[in-house]
Amino acid sequence: MRRIRTDNTLAAIPAIGHVEVFQPRKNASKNAAPQGMALSLLAPAADLASAIAGNSVAVTATADGLTTGLIPATAEHVSVTSAGATLQLSLPAAVAGKRIRITGPTNGCELISAVAGDKVNNVVVGATNEAALVAGTLYTLEYDGVDNWIMSGLTALGAVETPVIPNSL
């Protein structure tokens, strides 16, 4: 078993094995044992790093939001490439609590849904409307479990973007 401090990097963890993660107690005497927990790694550290980082995917906006414009249902972070602000990407079918972060492309694009009745910020985007994604903005979407994606955005300066209200296609 190898002991590591919690402020060490993930690279210090062995690929497979048993690790005890600990953190020194604050205001404890010199003889106090550190607080910790043990865990076993059954997968390579690279797989563990990937799981911690979440599922990142690259999506390319298309004229209709299909093929490369479809955001996979397993995606957690989406990096978007778009050749123009009128191109589209499609949100996947989702379950309650599903969260997706979208990094807006240099040219911006439009967000629709693969599910006809789904909404973004309480406006249907599955059939008749689209939500404009502004270049350089980080969007966070969370599915409410009924039919609505709640979306907010942060600009590159960290300012909260004006709430997005989808408009007609």
Protein backbone atom coordinates (compact mmCIF):
# COMPACT_ATOMS: atom_id res chain seq x y z
CA MET A 1 0.00 0.00 0.00
CA ARG A 2 1.20 3.51 -0.79
CA ARG A 3 0.15 6.62 1.13
CA ILE A 4 -0.30 9.88 -0.71
CA ARG A 5 -1.37 13.35 0.36
CA THR A 6 -4.59 14.69 -1.14
CA ASP A 7 -2.75 17.64 -2.68
CA ASN A 8 -0.52 15.33 -4.76
CA THR A 9 -1.32 14.92 -8.42
CA LEU A 10 -3.24 12.00 -9.86
CA ALA A 11 -0.03 10.85 -11.57
CA ALA A 12 1.32 9.86 -8.15
CA ILE A 13 -1.34 7.15 -7.81
CA PRO A 14 -0.26 3.72 -9.04
CA ALA A 15 -2.00 2.31 -12.11
CA ILE A 16 -3.57 -0.57 -10.21
CA GLY A 17 -3.37 -1.28 -6.51
CA HIS A 18 -4.47 -0.18 -3.09
CA VAL A 19 -4.11 3.45 -2.05
CA GLU A 20 -4.87 5.23 1.19
CA VAL A 21 -5.83 8.86 0.68
CA PHE A 22 -5.38 11.06 3.71
CA GLN A 23 -5.41 14.66 4.80
CA PRO A 24 -3.66 15.96 7.92
CA ARG A 25 -5.99 17.03 10.71
CA LYS A 26 -6.08 20.77 11.30
CA ASN A 27 -5.05 21.96 14.76
CA ALA A 28 -4.09 18.42 15.78
CA SER A 29 -1.11 17.50 17.93
CA LYS A 30 2.04 16.23 16.28
CA ASN A 31 1.22 12.66 17.33
CA ALA A 32 -2.34 12.64 15.92
CA ALA A 33 -2.89 10.26 13.04
CA PRO A 34 -4.05 11.82 9.77
CA GLN A 35 -7.68 11.39 8.70
CA GLY A 36 -8.05 9.17 5.70
CA MET A 37 -9.83 6.53 3.74
CA ALA A 38 -8.65 3.54 1.76
CA LEU A 39 -9.67 2.69 -1.76
CA SER A 40 -8.71 0.10 -4.31
CA LEU A 41 -7.99 0.94 -7.90
CA LEU A 42 -9.14 -1.77 -10.22
CA ALA A 43 -8.65 0.22 -13.39
CA PRO A 44 -5.61 2.02 -14.79
CA ALA A 45 -5.07 5.55 -13.46
CA ALA A 46 -5.74 6.94 -16.96
CA ASP A 47 -9.27 5.48 -16.82
CA LEU A 48 -9.74 6.96 -13.35
CA ALA A 49 -8.59 10.39 -14.59
CA SER A 50 -11.07 10.14 -17.47
CA ALA A 51 -13.91 9.26 -15.11
CA ILE A 52 -13.08 12.19 -12.86
CA ALA A 53 -12.90 14.61 -15.81
CA GLY A 54 -16.26 13.45 -17.15
CA ASN A 55 -17.19 12.49 -20.66
CA SER A 56 -15.88 15.19 -23.01
CA VAL A 57 -16.86 15.08 -26.67
CA ALA A 58 -16.33 17.21 -29.76
CA VAL A 59 -19.40 18.03 -31.86
CA THR A 60 -19.55 19.84 -35.21
CA ALA A 61 -22.69 21.89 -35.90
CA THR A 62 -24.54 21.05 -39.14
CA ALA A 63 -27.34 22.63 -41.19
CA ASP A 64 -29.95 20.38 -39.50
CA GLY A 65 -28.28 19.37 -36.23
CA LEU A 66 -27.97 15.75 -37.36
CA THR A 67 -24.96 13.41 -37.80
CA THR A 68 -21.96 15.29 -36.31
CA GLY A 69 -24.35 17.84 -34.80
CA LEU A 70 -25.95 15.33 -32.40
CA ILE A 71 -24.75 15.59 -28.80
CA PRO A 72 -24.38 12.04 -27.42
CA ALA A 73 -26.60 11.16 -24.44
CA THR A 74 -23.48 10.29 -22.41
CA ALA A 75 -21.80 13.67 -22.98
CA GLU A 76 -21.00 15.85 -19.99
CA HIS A 77 -18.80 18.46 -21.65
CA VAL A 78 -19.21 19.39 -25.32
CA SER A 79 -16.66 21.34 -27.36
CA VAL A 80 -18.40 22.73 -30.43
CA THR A 81 -17.00 23.53 -33.85
CA SER A 82 -19.18 25.60 -36.14
CA ALA A 83 -18.52 27.17 -39.54
CA GLY A 84 -21.38 29.64 -39.07
CA ALA A 85 -23.87 31.04 -36.54
CA THR A 86 -26.87 29.50 -38.36
CA LEU A 87 -25.62 25.91 -38.06
CA GLN A 88 -27.21 23.67 -35.42
CA LEU A 89 -26.49 21.09 -32.76
CA SER A 90 -29.08 18.83 -31.15
CA LEU A 91 -29.59 18.03 -27.49
CA PRO A 92 -30.09 14.32 -26.77
CA ALA A 93 -33.04 12.61 -25.10
CA ALA A 94 -32.32 12.89 -21.37
CA VAL A 95 -33.29 11.89 -17.86
CA ALA A 96 -33.89 14.09 -14.81
CA GLY A 97 -30.71 15.69 -13.53
CA LYS A 98 -28.70 15.20 -16.72
CA ARG A 99 -26.13 18.01 -16.99
CA ILE A 100 -24.25 19.13 -20.05
CA ARG A 101 -21.69 21.91 -20.39
CA ILE A 102 -21.23 23.37 -23.85
CA THR A 103 -18.29 25.52 -24.87
CA GLY A 104 -19.59 27.94 -27.50
CA PRO A 105 -17.72 27.85 -30.80
CA THR A 106 -15.84 30.80 -32.30
CA ASN A 107 -18.65 31.46 -34.78
CA GLY A 108 -21.62 30.70 -32.50
CA CYS A 109 -24.40 28.31 -33.52
CA GLU A 110 -28.02 27.33 -32.78
CA LEU A 111 -29.17 24.74 -30.24
CA ILE A 112 -32.17 22.51 -30.94
CA SER A 113 -33.33 19.17 -29.52
CA ALA A 114 -33.58 15.70 -31.00
CA VAL A 115 -36.82 15.33 -28.99
CA ALA A 116 -39.69 17.28 -30.61
CA GLY A 117 -41.36 18.38 -27.36
CA ASP A 118 -38.23 19.33 -25.42
CA LYS A 119 -37.74 22.90 -24.30
CA VAL A 120 -34.83 25.15 -23.40
CA ASN A 121 -35.69 27.70 -20.72
CA ASN A 122 -39.35 26.76 -21.14
CA VAL A 123 -39.53 27.36 -24.93
CA VAL A 124 -39.87 24.40 -27.33
CA VAL A 125 -36.66 23.79 -29.32
CA GLY A 126 -37.43 20.35 -30.70
CA ALA A 127 -39.44 21.40 -33.72
CA THR A 128 -40.01 25.12 -34.19
CA ASN A 129 -37.42 27.13 -32.26
CA GLU A 130 -33.69 27.32 -31.62
CA ALA A 131 -31.52 28.82 -28.89
CA ALA A 132 -28.59 30.94 -30.05
CA LEU A 133 -25.23 30.00 -28.57
CA VAL A 134 -22.84 32.95 -28.52
CA ALA A 135 -19.16 32.55 -29.36
CA GLY A 136 -16.82 32.18 -26.39
CA THR A 137 -19.56 31.44 -23.83
CA LEU A 138 -19.74 28.42 -21.52
CA TYR A 139 -23.28 27.08 -21.26
CA THR A 140 -24.59 24.79 -18.53
CA LEU A 141 -27.79 22.86 -19.18
CA GLU A 142 -29.69 20.67 -16.72
CA TYR A 143 -32.70 18.56 -17.65
CA ASP A 144 -35.64 18.87 -15.24
CA GLY A 145 -36.99 15.39 -16.01
CA VAL A 146 -40.21 16.54 -17.62
CA ASP A 147 -39.38 18.26 -20.91
CA ASN A 148 -37.24 21.30 -20.11
CA TRP A 149 -33.51 21.99 -20.27
CA ILE A 150 -32.60 24.89 -17.95
CA MET A 151 -29.72 26.75 -19.57
CA SER A 152 -27.44 29.48 -18.29
CA GLY A 153 -24.28 30.95 -19.74
CA LEU A 154 -21.03 32.53 -18.59
CA THR A 155 -19.03 34.81 -20.86
CA ALA A 156 -15.26 34.44 -21.29
CA LEU A 157 -14.92 37.14 -18.59
CA GLY A 158 -17.05 35.12 -16.15
CA ALA A 159 -20.09 37.39 -16.40
CA VAL A 160 -23.54 35.80 -16.39
CA GLU A 161 -25.08 35.96 -19.85
CA THR A 162 -28.57 37.38 -20.31
CA PRO A 163 -31.03 34.45 -20.11
CA VAL A 164 -31.38 32.75 -23.49
CA ILE A 165 -34.90 32.76 -24.92
CA PRO A 166 -35.15 30.50 -27.98
CA ASN A 167 -36.66 32.05 -31.10
CA SER A 168 -38.20 30.64 -34.29
CA LEU A 169 -36.10 28.70 -36.79
